[in-house]
Amino acid sequence: MERNWVKVPWSRFIAMIAFILFLALASNFEWPMGPMGLDWGVWLVCYISYGVLIVWSIVHVVRSNRGENDD
């Protein structure tokens, strides 16, 4: 009997674990105050999250071959 294995998106799990570790380690560091009264650690997390979102969406568009002419 052959099993049908579910494909697990390991990269997403690894990314989530890495992000959790980053947040846990960054919270132990005393960040200097940044703009709008927020710590620089908060800004760093926001910018990294935003950058990952942009890169992920670009990779998704490239992998799904959108933008090609359907002739």
C-alpha atoms as a PDB file:
ATOM      1  CA  MET A   1       0.000   0.000   0.000  1.00  0.00           C
ATOM      2  CA  GLU A   2       1.443   3.326  -1.076  1.00  0.00           C
ATOM      3  CA  ARG A   3       1.141   6.373   1.138  1.00  0.00           C
ATOM      4  CA  ASN A   4       0.355   9.795  -0.214  1.00  0.00           C
ATOM      5  CA  TRP A   5       2.539  12.135   1.805  1.00  0.00           C
ATOM      6  CA  VAL A   6       1.524  15.716   2.291  1.00  0.00           C
ATOM      7  CA  LYS A   7       4.161  18.150   1.102  1.00  0.00           C
ATOM      8  CA  VAL A   8       5.245  20.247   4.086  1.00  0.00           C
ATOM      9  CA  PRO A   9       6.368  23.829   3.422  1.00  0.00           C
ATOM     10  CA  TRP A  10       9.554  23.535   5.490  1.00  0.00           C
ATOM     11  CA  SER A  11      10.840  26.955   4.470  1.00  0.00           C
ATOM     12  CA  ARG A  12       7.845  28.612   6.142  1.00  0.00           C
ATOM     13  CA  PHE A  13       8.352  26.667   9.359  1.00  0.00           C
ATOM     14  CA  ILE A  14      12.050  27.527   9.388  1.00  0.00           C
ATOM     15  CA  ALA A  15      11.241  31.190   8.728  1.00  0.00           C
ATOM     16  CA  MET A  16       8.701  31.270  11.570  1.00  0.00           C
ATOM     17  CA  ILE A  17      11.134  29.652  14.000  1.00  0.00           C
ATOM     18  CA  ALA A  18      13.915  32.042  12.952  1.00  0.00           C
ATOM     19  CA  PHE A  19      11.594  35.031  13.405  1.00  0.00           C
ATOM     20  CA  ILE A  20      10.516  33.832  16.861  1.00  0.00           C
ATOM     21  CA  LEU A  21      14.160  33.385  17.859  1.00  0.00           C
ATOM     22  CA  PHE A  22      14.969  36.843  16.500  1.00  0.00           C
ATOM     23  CA  LEU A  23      12.145  38.394  18.533  1.00  0.00           C
ATOM     24  CA  ALA A  24      13.165  36.527  21.680  1.00  0.00           C
ATOM     25  CA  LEU A  25      16.827  37.496  21.369  1.00  0.00           C
ATOM     26  CA  ALA A  26      16.075  41.080  20.336  1.00  0.00           C
ATOM     27  CA  SER A  27      13.819  41.602  23.349  1.00  0.00           C
ATOM     28  CA  ASN A  28      16.763  40.890  25.671  1.00  0.00           C
ATOM     29  CA  PHE A  29      18.787  43.733  24.152  1.00  0.00           C
ATOM     30  CA  GLU A  30      18.400  47.314  25.354  1.00  0.00           C
ATOM     31  CA  TRP A  31      17.564  49.235  22.185  1.00  0.00           C
ATOM     32  CA  PRO A  32      18.028  53.020  22.005  1.00  0.00           C
ATOM     33  CA  MET A  33      14.988  55.168  21.368  1.00  0.00           C
ATOM     34  CA  GLY A  34      14.158  55.742  17.733  1.00  0.00           C
ATOM     35  CA  PRO A  35      11.649  57.871  15.820  1.00  0.00           C
ATOM     36  CA  MET A  36       8.121  58.342  17.179  1.00  0.00           C
ATOM     37  CA  GLY A  37       9.198  57.141  20.634  1.00  0.00           C
ATOM     38  CA  LEU A  38       9.631  53.532  19.522  1.00  0.00           C
ATOM     39  CA  ASP A  39      12.745  51.490  20.192  1.00  0.00           C
ATOM     40  CA  TRP A  40      15.002  50.774  17.232  1.00  0.00           C
ATOM     41  CA  GLY A  41      14.274  47.079  17.802  1.00  0.00           C
ATOM     42  CA  VAL A  42      10.628  47.689  16.914  1.00  0.00           C
ATOM     43  CA  TRP A  43      11.636  49.516  13.738  1.00  0.00           C
ATOM     44  CA  LEU A  44      14.069  46.731  12.858  1.00  0.00           C
ATOM     45  CA  VAL A  45      11.350  44.090  13.206  1.00  0.00           C
ATOM     46  CA  CYS A  46       8.952  46.188  11.111  1.00  0.00           C
ATOM     47  CA  TYR A  47      11.469  46.795   8.328  1.00  0.00           C
ATOM     48  CA  ILE A  48      12.631  43.165   8.250  1.00  0.00           C
ATOM     49  CA  SER A  49       9.016  41.955   8.115  1.00  0.00           C
ATOM     50  CA  TYR A  50       8.223  44.429   5.342  1.00  0.00           C
ATOM     51  CA  GLY A  51      11.323  43.406   3.387  1.00  0.00           C
ATOM     52  CA  VAL A  52      10.516  39.705   3.725  1.00  0.00           C
ATOM     53  CA  LEU A  53       6.972  40.383   2.525  1.00  0.00           C
ATOM     54  CA  ILE A  54       8.230  42.254  -0.552  1.00  0.00           C
ATOM     55  CA  VAL A  55      10.812  39.584  -1.412  1.00  0.00           C
ATOM     56  CA  TRP A  56       8.279  36.781  -0.891  1.00  0.00           C
ATOM     57  CA  SER A  57       5.742  38.452  -3.188  1.00  0.00           C
ATOM     58  CA  ILE A  58       8.376  39.024  -5.895  1.00  0.00           C
ATOM     59  CA  VAL A  59       9.470  35.383  -5.685  1.00  0.00           C
ATOM     60  CA  HIS A  60       5.836  34.271  -5.829  1.00  0.00           C
ATOM     61  CA  VAL A  61       5.193  36.309  -8.977  1.00  0.00           C
ATOM     62  CA  VAL A  62       8.358  35.020 -10.646  1.00  0.00           C
ATOM     63  CA  ARG A  63       7.623  31.389  -9.730  1.00  0.00           C
ATOM     64  CA  SER A  64       4.026  31.539 -10.923  1.00  0.00           C
ATOM     65  CA  ASN A  65       5.208  33.010 -14.266  1.00  0.00           C
ATOM     66  CA  ARG A  66       2.793  35.903 -14.102  1.00  0.00           C
ATOM     67  CA  GLY A  67       3.559  38.731 -16.418  1.00  0.00           C
ATOM     68  CA  GLU A  68       4.372  36.489 -19.355  1.00  0.00           C
ATOM     69  CA  ASN A  69       2.432  37.010 -22.548  1.00  0.00           C
ATOM     70  CA  ASP A  70      -0.067  34.231 -23.202  1.00  0.00           C
ATOM     71  CA  ASP A  71       0.115  33.938 -26.975  1.00  0.00           C
END
